[in-house]
Amino acid sequence: MMYSLFWKFWAAMLLAVLGTFVTSALVMSQWQRFESYAQAQGRPHVLLQTLAGDIERVLHDPQALQVVLENNAMSEFGQVYLIDPTGADVLNRPIPADITMSDPTRSEEMGATPAPAPLILARAIRADNGAQYFMIFRFDWPRHPVWVLFRWFGLTWVLIASLVVSGLVSAWLATIVVRPIKKLVAASDRHGRGEFDARIEQNLLLRRDEIGELSRQLSTSAKQIETLMHRQKDFLRDVSHEVRTPLARLQVAAESVELDPGDDRAVAQIQREVEVIDQLVQDILHLSRLDRVQPSHHFEPVSLTHLLTECIESAEPLASRKQVALKPHFDAEGPLRVRGVSVLLQRAVDNLLTNALRYSPAQSTIEVACQREGSVCCVQIGDEGPGVPSENLQTIFEPFVRLDAARQRETGGFGLGLPLVRRIVELHQGSITACRNHPSGLRLKVWLPLERPLEETV
């Protein structure tokens, strides 16, 4: 199952929204606490006056006094101490050093210590029996580090928090998408410079999203391009090999004519070698031009039955000399028509028959069949020659491939016949395969799409 990047982007957007919401909620809650702290710190006298009145009412009740001192409106922002006449806290709590060093007899208006020390406020409380107590309030330092930022930026910190969340989500997306793409760009750049051995990282190939699919496509393309480059080099090597042999013979014959202008054998040899080179050049040109449809290719309805009959009649003289029988077997339903270039299709069939006759022994039979198979037509040509090993049934369609080790032209030609046939068949949107014939020999099968009747195309 392919995990689309859409879902990852959707998840990133969802995380960004939820993260911003949660972060904003936390920041706002801290803002509310900071605002209460700032208000208490800005006008503490009213709160302290109320707290002093509450303490005076419960001064004779130790339990109620403890509750008031530990749970009051000011306890959220600092500690409230009640110093008795002996100088000790009535709840026996240790008194901070900055409080003991201050003068509790100073009024609340003078109780503020200079910054940066914590703000300390004091107020005298007199009991019913005349004993004097001192209520001291010590503001704590801000309990949350963002409070310092609140002092500088206020609520702008919500926007800052949103930007931080979106930045983290963007970094996550960059890790998922941008970084792999940069790696693919680097690998593709190396492939463009001809370094086809540069492989894409395995973790990218194993991904199950569009980036993984793109990685596998690039890896496959690099391997295919590398294979094509090797084939091109092999093709050039084979062409040079094929041309070198007749050129060497041509040079020898030319030297013979130079020594003896009346040497008819040398002149005939020159003519034969020129014809060989000319045929090789023509086959190579035909092979290169059949990569795509040319303006000169005129597609028209072609009767395969009629075309095969003409090709068999043309091959009869050669078959008679080799004592080989051509046995046609056509579909009895009537003529089978395809849309194509008649000259190219005839050349393809001639090449197949010539190839079959070249390897057929005397007193053997070549079967030529043409049958409808659904919406396609299947043309089969099977001989009783030596056949082709199973591992070479695909390579025989490559240029200059000949299975005989001696590479004799008398038995194998240039090795361009079957590649030409494959190009022609593929030009007509068809396919060709090879298989072993029984009991011996080679059988070639060509599938071509049948022309659709006019009433089906309307």
Foldseek 3Di string as FASTA:
>chain_A
DFDACVVVVVVLVVQLVVQLVVVLVVVVVLLVVLVLLVVCVVDVPVQVVVLLVLCQVCVVPLVSNVCSQCDGPCNSFFHKFKAWPVRATPVRDDDDPVVVPDDQVDAQVPQADDPPAWGKGKHWHAHPVGTIMIIMTTGDDDPDVCSVVCVVPNSCVSVVSSVVSNVVSVVVVCVVPVVLVVQVVVQVVCLVVVPLVRARDPVQCPHRYVSVVVNVVVNVVSVVVVVVVVLVVVVVVLVCVQLVVLVVLLVVLVVVCVVPVPPVVSVVSNVVSVVLNVVVVVLVVLLVVLQADDPPWDKDKDFPVVLLVVLCVVCVVVCVVQQEAEAEAEDPPDTFIAIGRSVLVSLLSNLVVVLQSLFAHHPWYWYWYWDDDDQKIKTKIWGAGQADDPVCFPVLLRFQDDDDPVSDCSRCNRSSNNVSSQSRLVNQVKGKTKDADPPGTIMIMIIGGTDDDPVVVD
